[in-house]
Amino acid sequence: MPNTSETPFSSPTPVVAVSRLSRRVASDAGAELRILDDVSFSIEAGEAVAIVGASGSGKSTLLGLLAGLDAPSDGEVRIRGQDLFALDEDGRAALRGACVGFVFQSFQLLPALTAVENVMLPLELAGRRDARQEAEAWLGRVGLSGRLGHYPRQLSGGEQQRVAVARAFAPRPALVLADEPTGNLDVATGEAVIELMFSLNAESGTTLVLVTHDAALAARCKRTLRLAAGRLVG
């Protein structure tokens, strides 16, 4: 069983603090497009927060900025008090490795690695000597003890997403970012994956932020942030 006796955060500082965040790009016609416009919010340790909105509302852009994978035009993102964009690219990568886990709609498993090797990877990058033991324990936790040596192509979509969930939670990050985690799954499989994510979130105390079109999934979260035309509404 994975070690969940510790908590990844004990500070009163918000895990995520966003201040006046904007992202603008030039259109083909030369006009300026505001993808995000003056967005501010904070997320406390252990919260589960959904980001919802219509296609093109800025949800994925916001998630990319929270991860430091894109740069804002204006504003600030702080992860556990650290100004993300005061860091260089290597510094942001180090912060992601230490604090952030990811679950993607398309799973994003490395095809040349087995299930256990995919989960081991972030643990090894963090210098964990018990990476294999922990990876095996987490795959057991998500019901895949019998799939340790299977490659992604040998797994169903639901099994691949469970590997991805194990990979995200195994390093015990302060924050897990999930982008449409059930988007490529059928209803029953998606519900099973969501039950698993919320169970692991409750056990580990990790902060969970997910982008979704699924109203039922958003309703499971403590709080919902709704975007429309790049602005927070409601």
Protein backbone atom coordinates (compact mmCIF):
# COMPACT_ATOMS: atom_id res chain seq x y z
CA MET A 1 0.00 0.00 0.00
CA PRO A 2 1.43 3.43 -0.87
CA ASN A 3 2.58 5.60 2.01
CA THR A 4 -0.15 8.19 2.54
CA SER A 5 0.51 8.81 6.21
CA GLU A 6 2.24 12.12 5.54
CA THR A 7 0.64 15.19 4.03
CA PRO A 8 2.35 17.14 1.23
CA PHE A 9 1.43 20.49 2.71
CA SER A 10 1.30 22.02 6.17
CA SER A 11 1.59 25.71 5.29
CA PRO A 12 -1.39 28.11 5.38
CA THR A 13 -0.12 29.55 2.06
CA PRO A 14 -2.55 28.72 -0.77
CA VAL A 15 -1.32 25.92 -3.01
CA VAL A 16 -2.34 28.02 -6.04
CA ALA A 17 -2.64 31.81 -6.09
CA VAL A 18 -3.48 33.52 -9.39
CA SER A 19 -3.44 37.31 -9.64
CA ARG A 20 -4.71 39.38 -12.60
CA LEU A 21 -3.68 36.71 -15.08
CA SER A 22 -4.07 37.54 -18.79
CA ARG A 23 -3.03 35.85 -22.01
CA ARG A 24 -3.21 37.68 -25.32
CA VAL A 25 -2.21 36.54 -28.80
CA ALA A 26 -2.30 38.16 -32.23
CA SER A 27 -4.88 36.85 -34.69
CA ASP A 28 -4.12 36.14 -38.35
CA ALA A 29 -5.70 39.50 -39.14
CA GLY A 30 -3.33 41.22 -36.74
CA ALA A 31 -5.96 41.99 -34.11
CA GLU A 32 -5.32 41.12 -30.46
CA LEU A 33 -7.22 38.15 -29.02
CA ARG A 34 -7.72 37.96 -25.27
CA ILE A 35 -7.72 34.29 -24.35
CA LEU A 36 -7.62 35.07 -20.61
CA ASP A 37 -8.54 38.45 -19.18
CA ASP A 38 -7.69 39.60 -15.62
CA VAL A 39 -8.29 36.27 -13.87
CA SER A 40 -7.68 36.05 -10.10
CA PHE A 41 -8.37 33.26 -7.60
CA SER A 42 -6.69 31.11 -4.98
CA ILE A 43 -6.97 27.43 -4.12
CA GLU A 44 -6.29 26.09 -0.65
CA ALA A 45 -4.55 22.88 0.32
CA GLY A 46 -6.73 19.80 -0.14
CA GLU A 47 -9.43 21.49 -2.25
CA ALA A 48 -10.91 19.86 -5.34
CA VAL A 49 -11.74 22.58 -7.86
CA ALA A 50 -13.33 22.26 -11.29
CA ILE A 51 -12.63 24.71 -14.14
CA VAL A 52 -15.59 24.74 -16.54
CA GLY A 53 -16.73 26.70 -19.56
CA ALA A 54 -17.57 26.39 -23.23
CA SER A 55 -14.97 25.44 -25.81
CA GLY A 56 -12.71 28.43 -26.41
CA SER A 57 -13.40 29.97 -23.00
CA GLY A 58 -9.75 29.68 -21.91
CA LYS A 59 -9.85 26.57 -19.72
CA SER A 60 -6.91 24.72 -21.27
CA THR A 61 -4.89 27.93 -21.52
CA LEU A 62 -5.44 28.53 -17.81
CA LEU A 63 -4.37 24.99 -16.96
CA GLY A 64 -1.22 25.40 -19.07
CA LEU A 65 -0.39 28.61 -17.20
CA LEU A 66 -0.93 26.93 -13.83
CA ALA A 67 1.57 24.28 -14.93
CA GLY A 68 4.06 26.85 -16.20
CA LEU A 69 3.90 25.34 -19.69
CA ASP A 70 2.86 28.67 -21.19
CA ALA A 71 3.73 32.25 -20.23
CA PRO A 72 1.15 34.93 -19.39
CA SER A 73 0.95 38.34 -21.02
CA ASP A 74 0.27 39.86 -17.59
CA GLY A 75 -0.27 38.66 -14.06
CA GLU A 76 1.17 36.14 -11.67
CA VAL A 77 0.83 32.47 -10.75
CA ARG A 78 2.20 31.30 -7.40
CA ILE A 79 2.52 27.60 -6.56
CA ARG A 80 3.00 27.10 -2.82
CA GLY A 81 4.12 30.72 -2.58
CA GLN A 82 6.66 30.55 -5.42
CA ASP A 83 6.18 32.97 -8.29
CA LEU A 84 6.18 30.54 -11.20
CA PHE A 85 7.22 33.06 -13.85
CA ALA A 86 10.04 34.52 -11.77
CA LEU A 87 11.77 31.20 -12.51
CA ASP A 88 13.54 30.26 -15.71
CA GLU A 89 12.44 27.23 -17.72
CA ASP A 90 14.66 24.85 -15.73
CA GLY A 91 13.35 26.29 -12.47
CA ARG A 92 9.75 25.82 -13.56
CA ALA A 93 10.50 22.24 -14.58
CA ALA A 94 12.07 21.58 -11.17
CA LEU A 95 9.01 23.05 -9.42
CA ARG A 96 6.67 20.89 -11.50
CA GLY A 97 8.73 17.82 -10.64
CA ALA A 98 8.58 18.61 -6.94
CA CYS A 99 5.00 19.82 -6.60
CA VAL A 100 2.76 18.96 -9.56
CA GLY A 101 1.23 15.78 -11.01
CA PHE A 102 -0.67 15.59 -14.31
CA VAL A 103 -3.56 13.52 -15.70
CA PHE A 104 -4.24 14.10 -19.41
CA GLN A 105 -7.24 13.29 -21.57
CA SER A 106 -4.98 11.33 -23.93
CA PHE A 107 -3.16 9.54 -21.06
CA GLN A 108 0.34 10.57 -22.26
CA LEU A 109 2.01 7.33 -21.19
CA LEU A 110 5.43 6.63 -22.69
CA PRO A 111 4.83 3.78 -25.17
CA ALA A 112 8.30 2.23 -24.75
CA LEU A 113 7.84 1.86 -20.98
CA THR A 114 5.74 -0.71 -19.13
CA ALA A 115 3.01 0.35 -16.72
CA VAL A 116 5.31 0.07 -13.71
CA GLU A 117 8.10 1.92 -15.52
CA ASN A 118 5.74 4.77 -16.41
CA VAL A 119 4.82 5.18 -12.74
CA MET A 120 8.45 4.79 -11.65
CA LEU A 121 9.65 7.61 -13.90
CA PRO A 122 8.68 10.65 -11.78
CA LEU A 123 9.81 8.83 -8.65
CA GLU A 124 13.21 8.12 -10.18
CA LEU A 125 13.51 11.73 -11.33
CA ALA A 126 12.86 12.74 -7.73
CA GLY A 127 15.70 10.49 -6.59
CA ARG A 128 13.54 7.88 -4.88
CA ARG A 129 15.52 4.68 -4.25
CA ASP A 130 12.27 2.79 -3.63
CA ALA A 131 10.79 3.84 -6.98
CA ARG A 132 9.88 0.33 -8.13
CA GLN A 133 8.37 -0.66 -4.78
CA GLU A 134 6.28 2.51 -4.63
CA ALA A 135 5.21 2.23 -8.28
CA GLU A 136 4.08 -1.36 -7.76
CA ALA A 137 2.17 -0.33 -4.64
CA TRP A 138 0.39 2.50 -6.46
CA LEU A 139 -0.54 0.27 -9.38
CA GLY A 140 -1.97 -2.15 -6.86
CA ARG A 141 -3.95 0.72 -5.35
CA VAL A 142 -5.54 1.47 -8.73
CA GLY A 143 -6.31 -2.20 -9.38
CA LEU A 144 -3.53 -3.00 -11.84
CA SER A 145 -1.28 -5.39 -9.92
CA GLY A 146 -1.67 -7.86 -12.77
CA ARG A 147 -0.59 -5.35 -15.43
CA LEU A 148 2.82 -4.23 -14.14
CA GLY A 149 4.76 -5.48 -17.16
CA HIS A 150 2.21 -4.50 -19.80
CA TYR A 151 2.96 -1.74 -22.31
CA PRO A 152 0.36 0.99 -22.98
CA ARG A 153 -0.65 -0.63 -26.29
CA GLN A 154 -1.58 -3.76 -24.34
CA LEU A 155 -3.89 -1.86 -21.98
CA SER A 156 -7.45 -0.61 -22.45
CA GLY A 157 -8.18 3.11 -22.31
CA GLY A 158 -9.45 2.82 -18.75
CA GLU A 159 -6.36 0.88 -17.69
CA GLN A 160 -4.09 3.46 -19.31
CA GLN A 161 -5.83 6.26 -17.45
CA ARG A 162 -5.49 4.38 -14.17
CA VAL A 163 -1.75 4.08 -14.82
CA ALA A 164 -1.72 7.83 -15.48
CA VAL A 165 -3.57 8.50 -12.23
CA ALA A 166 -1.08 6.33 -10.31
CA ARG A 167 1.80 8.16 -11.98
CA ALA A 168 0.31 11.54 -11.00
CA PHE A 169 -0.27 10.68 -7.35
CA ALA A 170 2.77 8.45 -6.68
CA PRO A 171 5.25 11.28 -5.97
CA ARG A 172 2.70 12.75 -3.52
CA PRO A 173 2.56 16.18 -5.19
CA ALA A 174 0.94 19.18 -3.55
CA LEU A 175 -1.13 19.72 -6.71
CA VAL A 176 -2.63 17.45 -9.38
CA LEU A 177 -3.83 19.05 -12.62
CA ALA A 178 -6.27 17.00 -14.69
CA ASP A 179 -7.33 17.99 -18.22
CA GLU A 180 -10.61 16.31 -19.25
CA PRO A 181 -9.55 13.08 -17.49
CA THR A 182 -12.61 11.15 -18.71
CA GLY A 183 -12.79 12.68 -22.20
CA ASN A 184 -11.54 9.56 -24.01
CA LEU A 185 -13.41 7.03 -21.85
CA ASP A 186 -16.89 5.55 -22.00
CA VAL A 187 -19.33 6.59 -19.28
CA ALA A 188 -18.88 3.58 -16.99
CA THR A 189 -15.08 3.58 -17.26
CA GLY A 190 -14.97 7.35 -16.78
CA GLU A 191 -17.05 7.10 -13.60
CA ALA A 192 -14.69 4.44 -12.23
CA VAL A 193 -11.65 6.62 -12.96
CA ILE A 194 -13.27 9.64 -11.30
CA GLU A 195 -14.18 7.62 -8.20
CA LEU A 196 -10.55 6.56 -8.06
CA MET A 197 -9.23 10.11 -8.41
CA PHE A 198 -11.46 11.49 -5.70
CA SER A 199 -10.63 8.58 -3.41
CA LEU A 200 -6.89 9.15 -3.83
CA ASN A 201 -7.39 12.90 -3.44
CA ALA A 202 -9.19 12.39 -0.12
CA GLU A 203 -6.61 9.90 1.16
CA SER A 204 -3.53 11.90 0.23
CA GLY A 205 -4.86 15.40 0.84
CA THR A 206 -3.54 16.53 -2.54
CA THR A 207 -5.08 19.61 -4.11
CA LEU A 208 -6.95 18.66 -7.28
CA VAL A 209 -7.72 21.06 -10.14
CA LEU A 210 -9.53 19.64 -13.15
CA VAL A 211 -10.80 20.99 -16.43
CA THR A 212 -14.03 19.34 -17.52
CA HIS A 213 -17.13 19.67 -19.68
CA ASP A 214 -18.89 17.15 -17.42
CA ALA A 215 -21.37 18.92 -15.12
CA ALA A 216 -21.71 15.86 -12.89
CA LEU A 217 -17.96 15.68 -12.45
CA ALA A 218 -17.74 19.39 -11.67
CA ALA A 219 -20.47 18.97 -9.06
CA ARG A 220 -18.25 16.46 -7.23
CA CYS A 221 -15.72 19.22 -6.58
CA LYS A 222 -15.79 21.55 -3.60
CA ARG A 223 -15.78 24.58 -5.86
CA THR A 224 -16.28 25.47 -9.52
CA LEU A 225 -14.53 28.22 -11.44
CA ARG A 226 -16.50 29.15 -14.57
CA LEU A 227 -14.83 30.84 -17.52
CA ALA A 228 -16.60 32.71 -20.30
CA ALA A 229 -14.65 34.52 -23.01
CA GLY A 230 -11.53 34.35 -20.89
CA ARG A 231 -13.03 35.86 -17.74
CA LEU A 232 -14.22 34.32 -14.50
CA VAL A 233 -18.00 34.64 -14.14
CA GLY A 234 -20.59 33.79 -11.53
